[in-house]
Amino acid sequence: MPTIFSDPPQALYLILIAGVIVTGTLAARNQDRRSFIRLGIALGLLLVLFLVDRFFESPREEANRRVSAMAAAAMAANPDRFMENVSTSFEMRGANRERLKAAPAWGLIRNHRVRVAVWGFSPDTYEEINDKEIEVGFYLKVEVENPQGMAMWDSRARFVKDSDGQYRLKTVKFYNPAEGGLNAEVAIPGFP
């Protein structure tokens, strides 16, 4: 499905809504068959766009969904569920998928009752690298209960289309927004 329909820009919705308003106004004024047909077509196009947008996932939406699923799996300290969203080609600072699954971060998450939140997914932070790779940006916040603390990172995750046609995490980079923004990558304790 073309991305223009599965992940339409707001402008496309606005254009179709304007078309419905104009054709609806003309239909109300003219009260003839042609005007009602035009209104029906405009409403149909808006409905089709809405249904395609809701039921077909774009690569950006899939990546955002996977990031949210990984955050939920991390909060539950469930590395198996986390790894469902990680590609076999994963690589981060020399660590592969197996090292990620065995990372000390999982023990830290369990011991300190960590809460994880991700947000700030925006079409502006999405980039299509090529036909098999995409990158999404988001914010990551980690709160620790014992000892109490919080950290936040600006993050960039690169996804690759695996052989089954699904996008999975290939690598991720974290940046401290207070220390140089996207210029200086930082490491998360216990994470590869």
Protein backbone atom coordinates (compact mmCIF):
# COMPACT_ATOMS: atom_id res chain seq x y z
CA MET A 1 0.00 0.00 0.00
CA PRO A 2 1.49 3.41 -0.93
CA THR A 3 2.56 5.38 2.14
CA ILE A 4 0.61 8.43 0.99
CA PHE A 5 -2.55 6.44 1.83
CA SER A 6 -1.40 4.19 4.72
CA ASP A 7 0.28 7.11 6.54
CA PRO A 8 -1.32 10.18 4.94
CA PRO A 9 -0.19 13.70 5.72
CA GLN A 10 -2.73 15.86 7.56
CA ALA A 11 -2.96 18.06 4.48
CA LEU A 12 -4.58 15.21 2.53
CA TYR A 13 -7.30 14.86 5.16
CA LEU A 14 -7.81 18.63 5.15
CA ILE A 15 -8.16 18.70 1.36
CA LEU A 16 -10.74 15.90 1.40
CA ILE A 17 -12.67 17.48 4.30
CA ALA A 18 -12.70 20.78 2.40
CA GLY A 19 -14.01 18.88 -0.63
CA VAL A 20 -16.81 17.39 1.49
CA ILE A 21 -17.72 20.83 2.84
CA VAL A 22 -17.77 22.42 -0.61
CA THR A 23 -19.73 19.60 -2.25
CA GLY A 24 -22.07 19.43 0.76
CA THR A 25 -22.75 23.15 0.54
CA LEU A 26 -23.43 22.88 -3.20
CA ALA A 27 -25.69 19.87 -2.68
CA ALA A 28 -27.67 21.72 0.00
CA ARG A 29 -28.01 24.76 -2.24
CA ASN A 30 -28.73 23.06 -5.57
CA GLN A 31 -30.74 20.07 -4.36
CA ASP A 32 -30.05 18.13 -7.57
CA ARG A 33 -28.80 14.66 -8.34
CA ARG A 34 -25.40 15.75 -9.71
CA SER A 35 -24.57 17.68 -6.54
CA PHE A 36 -25.49 14.73 -4.32
CA ILE A 37 -23.36 12.39 -6.46
CA ARG A 38 -20.38 14.75 -6.06
CA LEU A 39 -20.99 14.85 -2.30
CA GLY A 40 -21.17 11.04 -2.21
CA ILE A 41 -17.88 10.77 -4.11
CA ALA A 42 -16.18 13.24 -1.76
CA LEU A 43 -17.49 11.39 1.31
CA GLY A 44 -16.46 8.05 -0.22
CA LEU A 45 -12.91 9.25 -0.85
CA LEU A 46 -12.65 10.53 2.71
CA LEU A 47 -13.99 7.24 4.08
CA VAL A 48 -11.62 5.15 1.93
CA LEU A 49 -8.63 7.23 3.07
CA PHE A 50 -9.68 6.86 6.70
CA LEU A 51 -10.10 3.07 6.40
CA VAL A 52 -6.79 2.57 4.59
CA ASP A 53 -5.05 4.77 7.18
CA ARG A 54 -6.52 2.72 10.04
CA PHE A 55 -6.11 -0.80 8.65
CA PHE A 56 -2.80 -0.64 6.73
CA GLU A 57 0.37 0.01 8.70
CA SER A 58 3.08 2.13 7.10
CA PRO A 59 6.77 1.37 7.79
CA ARG A 60 6.91 4.41 10.11
CA GLU A 61 3.86 3.26 12.05
CA GLU A 62 5.28 -0.27 12.30
CA ALA A 63 8.59 1.06 13.66
CA ASN A 64 6.77 3.26 16.19
CA ARG A 65 4.65 0.29 17.29
CA ARG A 66 7.75 -1.86 17.70
CA VAL A 67 9.53 0.82 19.77
CA SER A 68 6.48 0.99 22.06
CA ALA A 69 6.40 -2.82 22.31
CA MET A 70 10.11 -2.89 23.20
CA ALA A 71 9.53 -0.26 25.91
CA ALA A 72 6.70 -2.37 27.37
CA ALA A 73 8.88 -5.50 27.25
CA ALA A 74 11.76 -3.63 28.91
CA MET A 75 9.48 -2.39 31.68
CA ALA A 76 8.28 -5.96 32.21
CA ALA A 77 11.93 -7.12 32.19
CA ASN A 78 11.04 -9.64 29.48
CA PRO A 79 14.00 -10.02 27.11
CA ASP A 80 12.23 -12.67 25.00
CA ARG A 81 9.36 -10.31 24.19
CA PHE A 82 11.86 -7.52 23.57
CA MET A 83 13.86 -9.67 21.14
CA GLU A 84 10.76 -10.33 18.99
CA ASN A 85 11.27 -6.79 17.71
CA VAL A 86 15.04 -7.06 17.13
CA SER A 87 16.52 -8.12 13.80
CA THR A 88 19.02 -10.94 13.48
CA SER A 89 21.29 -8.32 11.89
CA PHE A 90 21.27 -6.19 15.09
CA GLU A 91 24.58 -4.49 15.86
CA MET A 92 25.32 -1.80 18.43
CA ARG A 93 28.81 -0.77 19.48
CA GLY A 94 30.12 -4.24 18.63
CA ALA A 95 27.28 -6.11 20.37
CA ASN A 96 25.00 -8.47 18.48
CA ARG A 97 21.50 -9.75 19.17
CA GLU A 98 22.67 -12.47 21.60
CA ARG A 99 24.69 -9.99 23.67
CA LEU A 100 21.68 -7.68 23.79
CA LYS A 101 19.51 -10.49 25.16
CA ALA A 102 22.13 -11.32 27.82
CA ALA A 103 22.93 -7.67 28.68
CA PRO A 104 23.26 -6.72 32.36
CA ALA A 105 20.51 -4.13 31.81
CA TRP A 106 17.87 -6.85 32.29
CA GLY A 107 19.07 -7.51 35.84
CA LEU A 108 19.19 -3.80 36.59
CA ILE A 109 15.61 -3.40 35.32
CA ARG A 110 14.40 -6.23 37.56
CA ASN A 111 16.30 -5.10 40.66
CA HIS A 112 15.39 -1.40 40.46
CA ARG A 113 11.76 -1.65 39.27
CA VAL A 114 12.34 0.49 36.22
CA ARG A 115 9.52 2.28 34.39
CA VAL A 116 10.08 3.04 30.71
CA ALA A 117 8.21 5.54 28.57
CA VAL A 118 8.63 6.43 24.89
CA TRP A 119 6.95 9.33 23.07
CA GLY A 120 7.55 12.09 20.57
CA PHE A 121 7.14 9.99 17.44
CA SER A 122 6.80 12.51 14.67
CA PRO A 123 6.85 12.32 10.89
CA ASP A 124 9.61 14.95 11.13
CA THR A 125 11.96 12.45 12.84
CA TYR A 126 11.25 9.69 10.31
CA GLU A 127 13.73 9.03 7.53
CA GLU A 128 13.67 6.42 4.81
CA ILE A 129 17.31 5.40 4.37
CA ASN A 130 16.62 3.07 1.42
CA ASP A 131 13.93 0.58 0.38
CA LYS A 132 14.92 -1.80 3.24
CA GLU A 133 15.94 0.57 6.05
CA ILE A 134 14.17 3.33 7.96
CA GLU A 135 15.01 5.45 10.96
CA VAL A 136 12.64 6.86 13.59
CA GLY A 137 13.28 9.35 16.34
CA PHE A 138 11.64 9.39 19.76
CA TYR A 139 12.22 10.33 23.38
CA LEU A 140 13.02 7.67 25.96
CA LYS A 141 12.52 8.22 29.69
CA VAL A 142 13.57 5.75 32.35
CA GLU A 143 12.45 6.13 35.97
CA VAL A 144 14.01 4.07 38.73
CA GLU A 145 12.25 3.46 42.05
CA ASN A 146 15.20 2.34 44.15
CA PRO A 147 17.28 4.52 44.33
CA GLN A 148 14.85 7.08 42.99
CA GLY A 149 15.99 8.69 39.76
CA MET A 150 15.12 9.54 36.19
CA ALA A 151 16.98 9.86 32.91
CA MET A 152 15.81 10.96 29.48
CA TRP A 153 17.36 10.51 26.05
CA ASP A 154 16.67 11.66 22.53
CA SER A 155 16.86 8.41 20.57
CA ARG A 156 17.25 7.31 16.97
CA ALA A 157 16.37 3.72 16.07
CA ARG A 158 17.19 2.20 12.70
CA PHE A 159 14.96 -0.61 11.45
CA VAL A 160 15.67 -3.08 8.67
CA LYS A 161 13.16 -5.10 6.67
CA ASP A 162 13.84 -8.73 7.52
CA SER A 163 13.25 -11.64 5.12
CA ASP A 164 9.65 -12.03 6.39
CA GLY A 165 8.84 -8.45 5.28
CA GLN A 166 8.66 -7.08 8.84
CA TYR A 167 10.74 -4.16 10.06
CA ARG A 168 12.85 -4.94 13.13
CA LEU A 169 15.46 -3.03 15.11
CA LYS A 170 18.90 -2.99 13.52
CA THR A 171 20.57 -0.46 15.82
CA VAL A 172 19.72 2.35 18.18
CA LYS A 173 21.57 5.44 19.39
CA PHE A 174 20.88 7.51 22.47
CA TYR A 175 21.71 11.17 22.96
CA ASN A 176 21.49 13.35 26.06
CA PRO A 177 19.51 16.44 25.01
CA ALA A 178 21.25 18.52 27.71
CA GLU A 179 24.77 17.59 26.58
CA GLY A 180 25.14 18.44 22.91
CA GLY A 181 21.85 17.11 21.56
CA LEU A 182 22.33 14.77 18.60
CA ASN A 183 26.06 15.48 18.44
CA ALA A 184 27.23 13.24 21.29
CA GLU A 185 26.01 9.68 21.60
CA VAL A 186 25.75 8.36 25.16
CA ALA A 187 25.63 4.84 26.61
CA ILE A 188 22.83 3.51 28.81
CA PRO A 189 24.14 1.57 31.84
CA GLY A 190 24.03 -2.18 31.25
CA PHE A 191 22.90 -1.77 27.64
CA PRO A 192 25.39 -2.83 24.94
